[in-house]
Each structure stands twice: as C-alpha cells, then as structure tokens.
C-alpha cells in the first residue's frame, strides 16, 4: 500500500458558534457594564474583522456612502482598504465610544487605553468575559469571524460577497464556508428525520 492509496482527509471545518450561542454571546455582551466589552463583541460579531484589523481601526473609520454607514478596514497586507456595512446598533456604539474619547490624544487609533493602543489580550479578555457570562465554553475572537461567515452562507449570501466582507484574496479561502452550509443542512435534515 502507498500513501496515495488512502483517501485525502477533509480539512477540519472552522469552529463557529451556532445561531443560539451567538445570540447568547451578544446578549451577554450587551449587559456588560464595560463599554469596551460591548463594542468589541459587536464589532467582531457583526463585521467578521480579524483581531488585528480591529486594533488598527482609526477614529475616521466610520464613513458614510450614500445614506448608509460603512466601516473602513485598512488591509495592510494588500495596501488597500475594504468597506464593511455597519449595523445601526454598531454605528450607535461607535458614535458613543468616540464621544467619550479623551481630548488631546496623540494617537488616531480608535481603541486606546490611557493614550496607548489597546492590546490584543484586552480583546481576548472581552470575548472570554462575554462567553463566560453567556454560559458558553471557550470562544475566541477568530471564532466570531467564522460565525459571521457561517451565518451569511446559511442565509444565502454568495461566496463572492462573503469573500469581499472578510477581505479574502481568493474564493478558495471562502469555499470552506460552503462546507459549513452543507454540514448545517445535513444536521437540520437529521434533526427533522429523527
């Protein structure tokens, strides 16, 4: 027998939250007294941004295009930006965050703490805190990115639109979410058949 005689194993699916768990996480974040926890969870869950992209947002990241508001996400790798539609609730949270921003900061970063850039560990802690409050197990910021993509594909969004939303350079990076949709359909079929 040769290695080529064995079937190629599928790559594991990205870990994501189902709709019920995602709703619990958002509800827990909305109850949290820390405005950073509320905003971090909403941004990650509603935009699919990477943790580093969130940390790189600047105070002029919210832009109006026509009658809608968008979040301009700098994409350092490609030296370009992508635009993500802003949910009205997230727009309100961002406006509130900016309104309470201390005057005279030298940094133009959106997320600062005592004049310094917020650390990645603070985002991790915010997600962990909301997940614990929601009664969920371990949740990571990147899982919220996968969750948004899984929700989008399960609601019929095209792979091209998901790729644009997530900032994928090629559709091959996005095709994994089609497998999530297939798995979701199979699970729902099994539930109804059982």
Protein backbone atom coordinates (compact mmCIF):
# COMPACT_ATOMS: atom_id res chain seq x y z
CA UNK A 1 0.00 0.00 0.00
CA UNK A 2 1.08 3.51 -0.79
CA UNK A 3 0.09 6.80 0.81
CA UNK A 4 -1.70 7.67 -2.41
CA UNK A 5 -3.98 4.63 -1.90
CA UNK A 6 -5.68 6.33 1.06
CA UNK A 7 -8.37 8.96 0.59
CA UNK A 8 -7.37 12.54 1.31
CA UNK A 9 -8.87 13.61 4.62
CA UNK A 10 -11.03 16.72 4.61
CA UNK A 11 -9.58 19.68 6.42
CA UNK A 12 -11.46 20.32 9.65
CA UNK A 13 -14.21 22.91 9.48
CA UNK A 14 -13.56 26.24 11.18
CA UNK A 15 -15.02 26.45 14.68
CA UNK A 16 -18.03 28.75 14.81
CA UNK A 17 -20.97 29.43 17.10
CA UNK A 18 -24.43 28.29 16.13
CA UNK A 19 -27.15 30.93 16.00
CA UNK A 20 -28.36 30.27 19.56
CA UNK A 21 -24.85 30.54 21.05
CA UNK A 22 -24.09 33.67 19.00
CA UNK A 23 -27.31 35.28 20.27
CA UNK A 24 -26.39 34.39 23.87
CA UNK A 25 -22.94 35.92 23.42
CA UNK A 26 -24.35 39.18 22.01
CA UNK A 27 -26.95 39.38 24.78
CA UNK A 28 -24.28 38.84 27.45
CA UNK A 29 -22.06 41.50 25.90
CA UNK A 30 -24.92 44.00 25.79
CA UNK A 31 -25.46 43.51 29.54
CA UNK A 32 -21.79 44.02 30.36
CA UNK A 33 -21.00 47.28 32.21
CA UNK A 34 -17.71 47.75 30.31
CA UNK A 35 -18.31 49.70 27.07
CA UNK A 36 -15.22 48.11 25.51
CA UNK A 37 -16.63 44.60 26.01
CA UNK A 38 -19.92 45.64 24.43
CA UNK A 39 -18.23 47.29 21.47
CA UNK A 40 -15.58 44.61 20.90
CA UNK A 41 -18.13 41.80 20.72
CA UNK A 42 -20.45 43.78 18.44
CA UNK A 43 -17.61 44.72 16.08
CA UNK A 44 -16.18 41.21 15.87
CA UNK A 45 -19.58 39.51 15.56
CA UNK A 46 -21.12 41.95 13.06
CA UNK A 47 -18.14 42.68 10.79
CA UNK A 48 -16.09 39.48 10.77
CA UNK A 49 -12.94 41.52 11.31
CA UNK A 50 -9.73 39.95 12.48
CA UNK A 51 -8.47 40.99 15.92
CA UNK A 52 -5.53 42.85 14.37
CA UNK A 53 -7.83 44.69 11.97
CA UNK A 54 -9.93 45.86 14.89
CA UNK A 55 -6.83 47.10 16.69
CA UNK A 56 -5.81 49.03 13.56
CA UNK A 57 -9.07 50.96 13.19
CA UNK A 58 -8.66 54.73 13.26
CA UNK A 59 -11.01 57.43 14.52
CA UNK A 60 -12.10 58.17 10.93
CA UNK A 61 -13.03 54.52 10.20
CA UNK A 62 -16.78 55.19 10.03
CA UNK A 63 -17.66 56.61 6.63
CA UNK A 64 -20.95 57.49 5.04
CA UNK A 65 -21.53 56.25 1.50
CA UNK A 66 -24.88 57.40 0.19
CA UNK A 67 -27.35 57.02 3.03
CA UNK A 68 -25.53 54.07 4.63
CA UNK A 69 -22.63 53.90 7.05
CA UNK A 70 -19.63 51.68 6.48
CA UNK A 71 -16.55 50.75 8.43
CA UNK A 72 -13.28 51.32 6.55
CA UNK A 73 -10.94 48.48 7.44
CA UNK A 74 -7.30 49.03 6.48
CA UNK A 75 -5.87 45.91 4.85
CA UNK A 76 -2.16 46.22 5.43
CA UNK A 77 -1.21 43.08 3.51
CA UNK A 78 -2.69 44.41 0.27
CA UNK A 79 -2.07 48.12 0.91
CA UNK A 80 -5.74 48.84 0.35
CA UNK A 81 -8.93 49.15 2.37
CA UNK A 82 -12.14 47.21 2.43
CA UNK A 83 -15.52 48.52 3.49
CA UNK A 84 -17.90 46.63 5.74
CA UNK A 85 -21.54 47.70 6.15
CA UNK A 86 -22.34 48.96 9.65
CA UNK A 87 -25.36 47.68 11.52
CA UNK A 88 -27.23 50.68 13.03
CA UNK A 89 -26.68 49.37 16.58
CA UNK A 90 -22.94 49.10 15.95
CA UNK A 91 -22.91 52.63 14.48
CA UNK A 92 -24.52 53.92 17.69
CA UNK A 93 -21.94 52.11 19.85
CA UNK A 94 -19.07 53.54 17.79
CA UNK A 95 -20.52 57.06 17.99
CA UNK A 96 -20.82 56.71 21.77
CA UNK A 97 -17.24 55.39 22.03
CA UNK A 98 -15.91 58.35 20.05
CA UNK A 99 -17.99 60.83 22.05
CA UNK A 100 -16.35 59.61 25.28
CA UNK A 101 -12.85 59.56 23.81
CA UNK A 102 -10.48 61.75 25.86
CA UNK A 103 -9.46 65.03 24.23
CA UNK A 104 -5.90 65.64 23.08
CA UNK A 105 -4.81 62.06 22.41
CA UNK A 106 -1.81 61.87 20.10
CA UNK A 107 -2.95 58.57 18.62
CA UNK A 108 -5.53 58.43 15.86
CA UNK A 109 -6.32 54.80 16.76
CA UNK A 110 -9.94 54.20 17.64
CA UNK A 111 -9.12 51.91 20.54
CA UNK A 112 -6.75 53.36 23.10
CA UNK A 113 -6.33 52.89 26.81
CA UNK A 114 -4.66 55.76 28.66
CA UNK A 115 -3.26 57.04 25.36
CA UNK A 116 -1.77 53.72 24.27
CA UNK A 117 -3.08 51.23 21.74
CA UNK A 118 -5.36 48.59 23.21
CA UNK A 119 -3.63 45.21 23.31
CA UNK A 120 -4.77 42.02 21.63
CA UNK A 121 -5.10 40.44 25.07
CA UNK A 122 -7.75 43.02 26.01
CA UNK A 123 -9.87 41.87 23.07
CA UNK A 124 -9.32 38.23 24.07
CA UNK A 125 -10.37 39.09 27.63
CA UNK A 126 -13.51 40.88 26.40
CA UNK A 127 -14.57 37.83 24.36
CA UNK A 128 -13.74 35.46 27.23
CA UNK A 129 -15.74 37.60 29.69
CA UNK A 130 -18.83 37.72 27.44
CA UNK A 131 -18.58 33.99 26.72
CA UNK A 132 -18.38 33.15 30.42
CA UNK A 133 -21.33 35.42 31.16
CA UNK A 134 -23.30 33.69 28.38
CA UNK A 135 -22.50 30.25 29.80
CA UNK A 136 -20.51 29.24 26.74
CA UNK A 137 -17.23 27.40 26.67
CA UNK A 138 -14.05 28.83 25.21
CA UNK A 139 -14.72 31.37 22.46
CA UNK A 140 -12.03 33.22 20.51
CA UNK A 141 -12.23 36.44 18.51
CA UNK A 142 -11.50 34.49 15.33
CA UNK A 143 -14.47 32.20 16.01
CA UNK A 144 -16.70 35.25 15.70
CA UNK A 145 -15.28 35.80 12.20
CA UNK A 146 -16.13 32.20 11.30
CA UNK A 147 -19.55 32.61 12.92
CA UNK A 148 -20.41 35.62 10.77
CA UNK A 149 -19.32 33.77 7.62
CA UNK A 150 -21.31 30.66 8.58
CA UNK A 151 -24.41 32.76 9.27
CA UNK A 152 -24.00 34.57 5.95
CA UNK A 153 -23.65 31.38 3.91
CA UNK A 154 -26.57 29.74 5.72
CA UNK A 155 -28.74 32.77 4.90
CA UNK A 156 -27.89 32.58 1.20
CA UNK A 157 -25.14 35.18 0.78
CA UNK A 158 -22.92 34.43 -2.21
CA UNK A 159 -19.34 33.28 -1.72
CA UNK A 160 -18.16 36.37 -3.61
CA UNK A 161 -19.97 38.68 -1.18
CA UNK A 162 -18.59 36.77 1.83
CA UNK A 163 -15.08 36.95 0.37
CA UNK A 164 -15.43 40.73 -0.01
CA UNK A 165 -16.83 41.09 3.52
CA UNK A 166 -13.98 39.09 5.06
CA UNK A 167 -11.27 40.53 2.83
CA UNK A 168 -10.28 37.20 1.31
CA UNK A 169 -7.95 37.50 -1.66
CA UNK A 170 -9.34 34.43 -3.39
CA UNK A 171 -12.55 32.41 -3.33
CA UNK A 172 -10.60 29.31 -2.32
CA UNK A 173 -10.24 30.87 1.13
CA UNK A 174 -14.01 31.34 1.32
CA UNK A 175 -15.10 27.95 -0.07
CA UNK A 176 -14.63 26.30 3.32
CA UNK A 177 -17.82 28.06 4.41
CA UNK A 178 -19.76 26.24 1.70
CA UNK A 179 -18.83 23.04 3.54
CA UNK A 180 -20.25 24.57 6.73
CA UNK A 181 -23.53 25.22 4.92
CA UNK A 182 -23.58 21.62 3.69
CA UNK A 183 -22.99 20.39 7.26
CA UNK A 184 -25.75 22.65 8.61
CA UNK A 185 -28.23 21.33 6.03
CA UNK A 186 -27.28 17.75 6.90
CA UNK A 187 -27.66 18.41 10.65
CA UNK A 188 -31.08 20.00 10.20
CA UNK A 189 -32.18 17.11 7.98
CA UNK A 190 -31.05 14.61 10.62
CA UNK A 191 -32.94 16.51 13.36
CA UNK A 192 -36.18 16.53 11.37
CA UNK A 193 -35.83 12.90 10.29
CA UNK A 194 -35.13 11.74 13.86
